[in-house]
Protein backbone atom coordinates (compact mmCIF):
# COMPACT_ATOMS: atom_id res chain seq x y z
CA HIS A 1 13.85 45.44 141.34
CA LYS A 2 10.96 44.86 143.72
CA LEU A 3 11.50 41.13 143.56
CA ILE A 4 15.18 41.54 144.43
CA TYR A 5 14.38 43.72 147.44
CA PHE A 6 11.70 41.22 148.50
CA ASN A 7 14.22 38.38 148.39
CA ILE A 8 16.74 40.43 150.38
CA ILE A 9 14.10 41.17 153.03
CA LEU A 10 13.16 37.49 153.27
CA PHE A 11 16.84 36.56 153.61
CA CYS A 12 17.34 39.10 156.40
CA LEU A 13 14.24 37.89 158.21
CA SER A 14 15.41 34.30 158.00
CA MET A 15 18.85 35.27 159.36
CA ILE A 16 17.20 37.14 162.25
CA ASN A 17 14.95 34.13 162.98
CA LEU A 18 17.94 31.81 163.00
CA PHE A 19 19.83 34.18 165.31
CA PHE A 20 16.96 34.38 167.82
CA ALA A 21 16.31 30.64 167.58
CA SER A 22 19.94 29.86 168.40
CA HIS A 23 19.95 32.35 171.31
CA ILE A 24 16.40 31.83 172.53
CA SER A 25 17.55 30.46 175.89
CA ASP A 26 19.77 33.51 176.49
CA PHE A 27 16.91 35.74 175.34
CA HIS A 28 14.59 34.19 177.93
CA GLN A 29 17.22 34.68 180.64
CA TRP A 30 17.70 38.36 179.84
CA THR A 31 14.02 39.25 179.41
CA GLY A 32 12.65 36.95 182.14
CA ILE A 33 9.84 35.83 179.85
């Protein structure tokens, strides 16, 4: 069960990374960084 949860967490992290990578320009505009 731990391995399954670990894979789900990795999948979620990869989805979040892809989301931020695709919206990084908008993110910079909103945060001003």
